[in-house]
Amino acid sequence: MIEEAIDAFREGKPVLIYDFDHREGETDIAIPAVEVRPKDVAMLRRDGGGLICVSIPFRAAEKLGLPFMHEILEASSSRFPDLEKLAHFDIKYDSRSSFSLWVNHRDTYTGITDTDRALTIRKIGEAVAAVEKGKEFDFGAEFRSPGHVAVLKASKGLVFERVGQTELSIAVAEMAGIVPAVTICEMLDERTGKALPKADAIKYAEKHGIPFVGGKEIVEYYESLVKIKI
């Protein structure tokens, strides 16, 4: 199914990505950021229900001047001592978080509407595209923070270092040869209040003709391609 997921990304279409049973055990709806329109944001909040974020590569975040949120909290602790406590990770499935800033594009109004969030997401994708081509980009001139779209900064080593939805979605984007900025949103189950079961996510994928791919398959395929390039 990995080839179908790669082809879908090339066409700007959504993909369902499941991480691992031993990790979050969650399925995310993933869409290339530069392709996101208001109808896609509506679909994400309706059929996903989780947090709508944008994954970007470590190298792009560095060029845009976007730190990890825990770095911001640690740097602010001299003035606000209690903030340092918030940067201590005790999550059960990972050693750290990929959260960076929350932003709105400066052309948005409240920032939360489907139209506003779609604009912010596309513009984040365009920012990544610019710096990936070696161009200068003034992130602060285009965006304000706090906002309504969470930016996720992938690990420097991508899936060789961390296998969260952030890294998995960027890996698929890189294999597809598209702008490596991906909107992701967890699929939740309103019946249980928990993550949507994997079996139900697969049924959703089949019903809507969306590729479903697991983290193990993404990692193995990505690693094989890297070895071939070496």
Protein backbone atom coordinates (compact mmCIF):
# COMPACT_ATOMS: atom_id res chain seq x y z
CA MET A 1 0.00 0.00 0.00
CA ILE A 2 3.01 2.30 0.36
CA GLU A 3 3.19 2.86 -3.40
CA GLU A 4 -0.47 3.90 -3.44
CA ALA A 5 0.17 6.32 -0.57
CA ILE A 6 3.11 7.87 -2.42
CA ASP A 7 1.03 8.21 -5.61
CA ALA A 8 -1.83 9.82 -3.65
CA PHE A 9 0.54 12.43 -2.21
CA ARG A 10 1.86 13.18 -5.69
CA GLU A 11 -1.71 13.90 -6.73
CA GLY A 12 -2.34 16.06 -3.65
CA LYS A 13 -4.77 13.55 -2.18
CA PRO A 14 -5.15 12.34 1.43
CA VAL A 15 -3.54 9.27 2.95
CA LEU A 16 -4.26 7.53 6.25
CA ILE A 17 -1.13 6.85 8.29
CA TYR A 18 -1.15 4.49 11.27
CA ASP A 19 1.93 4.65 13.49
CA PHE A 20 2.48 1.55 15.65
CA ASP A 21 0.49 -0.57 18.10
CA HIS A 22 3.18 -0.01 20.75
CA ARG A 23 3.33 3.75 20.19
CA GLU A 24 0.31 6.09 19.93
CA GLY A 25 -1.77 3.44 18.18
CA GLU A 26 -3.42 6.23 16.17
CA THR A 27 -4.36 6.81 12.56
CA ASP A 28 -3.86 10.30 11.13
CA ILE A 29 -5.41 11.74 8.01
CA ALA A 30 -2.52 13.30 6.09
CA ILE A 31 -2.74 15.78 3.19
CA PRO A 32 0.06 17.68 1.40
CA ALA A 33 -0.07 21.17 2.94
CA VAL A 34 0.14 23.14 -0.31
CA GLU A 35 -2.99 21.37 -1.56
CA VAL A 36 -5.22 22.03 1.46
CA ARG A 37 -8.46 23.91 0.85
CA PRO A 38 -11.33 24.84 3.23
CA LYS A 39 -13.21 21.63 2.35
CA ASP A 40 -10.17 19.62 3.47
CA VAL A 41 -10.04 21.37 6.85
CA ALA A 42 -13.76 20.63 7.23
CA MET A 43 -13.10 16.96 6.46
CA LEU A 44 -10.23 16.81 8.94
CA ARG A 45 -12.26 18.23 11.83
CA ARG A 46 -15.33 16.18 10.90
CA ASP A 47 -13.80 12.80 10.04
CA GLY A 48 -10.58 13.17 12.02
CA GLY A 49 -11.58 15.20 15.04
CA GLY A 50 -8.11 15.52 16.51
CA LEU A 51 -5.62 18.38 16.34
CA ILE A 52 -4.97 19.83 12.89
CA CYS A 53 -1.22 20.34 12.55
CA VAL A 54 1.41 20.82 9.86
CA SER A 55 4.53 18.66 9.83
CA ILE A 56 7.67 20.21 8.38
CA PRO A 57 11.26 18.92 8.10
CA PHE A 58 13.88 19.81 10.71
CA ARG A 59 16.06 21.52 8.09
CA ALA A 60 13.18 23.75 6.91
CA ALA A 61 12.22 24.67 10.48
CA GLU A 62 15.81 25.66 11.19
CA LYS A 63 15.95 27.88 8.10
CA LEU A 64 12.64 29.48 9.10
CA GLY A 65 13.89 30.07 12.64
CA LEU A 66 11.30 27.79 14.26
CA PRO A 67 12.46 26.12 17.50
CA PHE A 68 10.82 23.28 19.37
CA MET A 69 8.29 24.53 21.91
CA HIS A 70 10.24 22.93 24.75
CA GLU A 71 13.24 25.05 23.74
CA ILE A 72 11.11 28.19 23.97
CA LEU A 73 9.87 27.19 27.43
CA GLU A 74 13.38 26.44 28.64
CA ALA A 75 14.69 29.75 27.30
CA SER A 76 11.84 31.63 29.00
CA SER A 77 12.37 30.02 32.39
CA SER A 78 14.73 32.75 33.60
CA ARG A 79 11.79 35.18 33.62
CA PHE A 80 9.02 32.65 34.23
CA PRO A 81 10.59 29.86 36.35
CA ASP A 82 7.52 27.64 36.39
CA LEU A 83 7.64 27.29 32.60
CA GLU A 84 10.73 25.11 32.84
CA LYS A 85 8.66 22.44 34.57
CA LEU A 86 6.40 22.24 31.51
CA ALA A 87 9.34 21.25 29.33
CA HIS A 88 10.00 18.03 31.28
CA PHE A 89 8.69 15.12 29.20
CA ASP A 90 6.86 12.32 30.94
CA ILE A 91 4.79 11.11 28.00
CA LYS A 92 4.47 7.34 27.87
CA TYR A 93 5.05 6.73 24.16
CA ASP A 94 8.03 8.95 23.33
CA SER A 95 10.98 10.87 24.74
CA ARG A 96 9.94 14.30 23.48
CA SER A 97 7.34 16.31 21.56
CA SER A 98 7.62 17.68 18.02
CA PHE A 99 5.55 20.81 18.71
CA SER A 100 6.97 24.13 17.56
CA LEU A 101 4.89 27.33 17.29
CA TRP A 102 1.15 27.83 16.82
CA VAL A 103 0.56 30.35 14.03
CA ASN A 104 -1.98 32.20 11.90
CA HIS A 105 -1.16 33.73 8.56
CA ARG A 106 -1.39 37.52 8.70
CA ASP A 107 -4.11 37.58 6.05
CA THR A 108 -6.50 35.60 8.28
CA TYR A 109 -9.15 37.14 10.56
CA THR A 110 -9.75 34.98 13.65
CA GLY A 111 -7.61 32.19 12.24
CA ILE A 112 -9.93 29.34 13.28
CA THR A 113 -12.38 29.14 10.37
CA ASP A 114 -11.94 26.50 7.69
CA THR A 115 -10.99 29.24 5.24
CA ASP A 116 -8.48 30.82 7.61
CA ARG A 117 -6.83 27.58 8.64
CA ALA A 118 -6.61 26.39 5.04
CA LEU A 119 -4.84 29.63 4.11
CA THR A 120 -2.40 29.34 7.01
CA ILE A 121 -1.65 25.70 6.16
CA ARG A 122 -1.03 26.44 2.47
CA LYS A 123 1.20 29.37 3.34
CA ILE A 124 3.26 27.19 5.70
CA GLY A 125 3.68 24.78 2.81
CA GLU A 126 4.79 27.64 0.56
CA ALA A 127 7.30 28.78 3.20
CA VAL A 128 8.80 25.30 3.31
CA ALA A 129 8.90 25.16 -0.49
CA ALA A 130 10.79 28.45 -0.58
CA VAL A 131 13.52 27.51 1.89
CA GLU A 132 13.85 24.04 0.38
CA LYS A 133 14.82 25.81 -2.86
CA GLY A 134 17.40 27.90 -1.02
CA LYS A 135 15.35 31.10 -0.97
CA GLU A 136 15.14 33.53 1.93
CA PHE A 137 11.82 33.64 3.78
CA ASP A 138 10.75 36.06 6.51
CA PHE A 139 8.44 33.88 8.61
CA GLY A 140 7.53 36.63 11.05
CA ALA A 141 6.43 38.92 8.22
CA GLU A 142 3.96 36.31 6.98
CA PHE A 143 2.72 34.76 10.23
CA ARG A 144 1.78 35.75 13.77
CA SER A 145 1.82 33.68 16.95
CA PRO A 146 -0.06 32.50 18.92
CA GLY A 147 -2.42 31.15 16.30
CA HIS A 148 -4.67 28.23 15.43
CA VAL A 149 -2.38 25.96 13.41
CA ALA A 150 0.28 23.94 15.19
CA VAL A 151 3.61 23.56 13.41
CA LEU A 152 5.37 20.25 14.07
CA LYS A 153 9.14 20.09 13.64
CA ALA A 154 10.41 16.69 12.55
CA SER A 155 13.52 15.07 14.00
CA LYS A 156 16.77 15.83 12.22
CA GLY A 157 17.24 12.15 11.43
CA LEU A 158 13.60 11.70 10.47
CA VAL A 159 12.44 8.05 10.85
CA PHE A 160 15.99 6.97 11.71
CA GLU A 161 15.64 9.00 14.90
CA ARG A 162 11.91 9.15 15.69
CA VAL A 163 8.84 7.45 14.21
CA GLY A 164 6.01 9.79 15.14
CA GLN A 165 3.30 10.89 12.71
CA THR A 166 5.40 14.00 12.08
CA GLU A 167 8.33 12.00 10.72
CA LEU A 168 6.20 9.36 8.98
CA SER A 169 4.21 11.95 7.03
CA ILE A 170 7.35 13.83 5.97
CA ALA A 171 8.97 10.56 4.88
CA VAL A 172 6.03 9.81 2.57
CA ALA A 173 6.18 13.35 1.18
CA GLU A 174 9.90 13.04 0.49
CA MET A 175 9.40 9.69 -1.25
CA ALA A 176 6.68 11.30 -3.37
CA GLY A 177 9.03 14.11 -4.34
CA ILE A 178 6.60 16.84 -3.25
CA VAL A 179 6.98 19.82 -0.92
CA PRO A 180 7.70 18.16 2.46
CA ALA A 181 4.98 19.91 4.46
CA VAL A 182 2.02 17.77 5.47
CA THR A 183 -1.20 18.51 7.32
CA ILE A 184 -2.08 15.75 9.77
CA CYS A 185 -5.04 15.15 12.07
CA GLU A 186 -5.72 12.23 14.41
CA MET A 187 -8.85 10.15 13.86
CA LEU A 188 -10.86 9.92 17.07
CA ASP A 189 -13.75 7.69 18.11
CA GLU A 190 -16.75 9.59 19.49
CA ARG A 191 -18.21 6.34 20.86
CA THR A 192 -15.29 5.56 23.17
CA GLY A 193 -13.60 8.96 23.51
CA LYS A 194 -10.34 7.33 22.44
CA ALA A 195 -8.38 6.96 19.21
CA LEU A 196 -10.32 5.41 16.34
CA PRO A 197 -9.53 1.68 16.26
CA LYS A 198 -7.23 0.61 13.45
CA ALA A 199 -9.89 -1.67 11.97
CA ASP A 200 -12.37 1.22 11.76
CA ALA A 201 -9.77 3.45 10.15
CA ILE A 202 -9.16 0.78 7.51
CA LYS A 203 -12.90 0.58 6.84
CA TYR A 204 -13.02 4.37 6.44
CA ALA A 205 -10.10 4.21 4.01
CA GLU A 206 -11.80 1.51 1.94
CA LYS A 207 -15.12 3.37 1.90
CA HIS A 208 -13.55 6.62 0.70
CA GLY A 209 -10.88 5.15 -1.56
CA ILE A 210 -8.00 6.51 0.52
CA PRO A 211 -4.70 4.59 0.86
CA PHE A 212 -4.00 3.24 4.36
CA VAL A 213 -0.36 2.68 5.30
CA GLY A 214 1.35 1.65 8.52
CA GLY A 215 4.44 3.11 10.12
CA LYS A 216 6.44 -0.12 9.76
CA GLU A 217 5.88 -0.16 6.01
CA ILE A 218 6.83 3.51 5.67
CA VAL A 219 10.04 3.09 7.67
CA GLU A 220 11.13 -0.04 5.82
CA TYR A 221 10.44 1.46 2.38
CA TYR A 222 12.13 4.75 3.25
CA GLU A 223 15.19 2.98 4.61
CA SER A 224 15.44 0.83 1.49
CA LEU A 225 15.39 3.92 -0.74
CA VAL A 226 18.06 5.63 1.35
CA LYS A 227 20.31 2.57 1.07
CA ILE A 228 19.82 2.50 -2.70
CA LYS A 229 20.86 6.18 -2.94
CA ILE A 230 23.97 5.48 -0.84
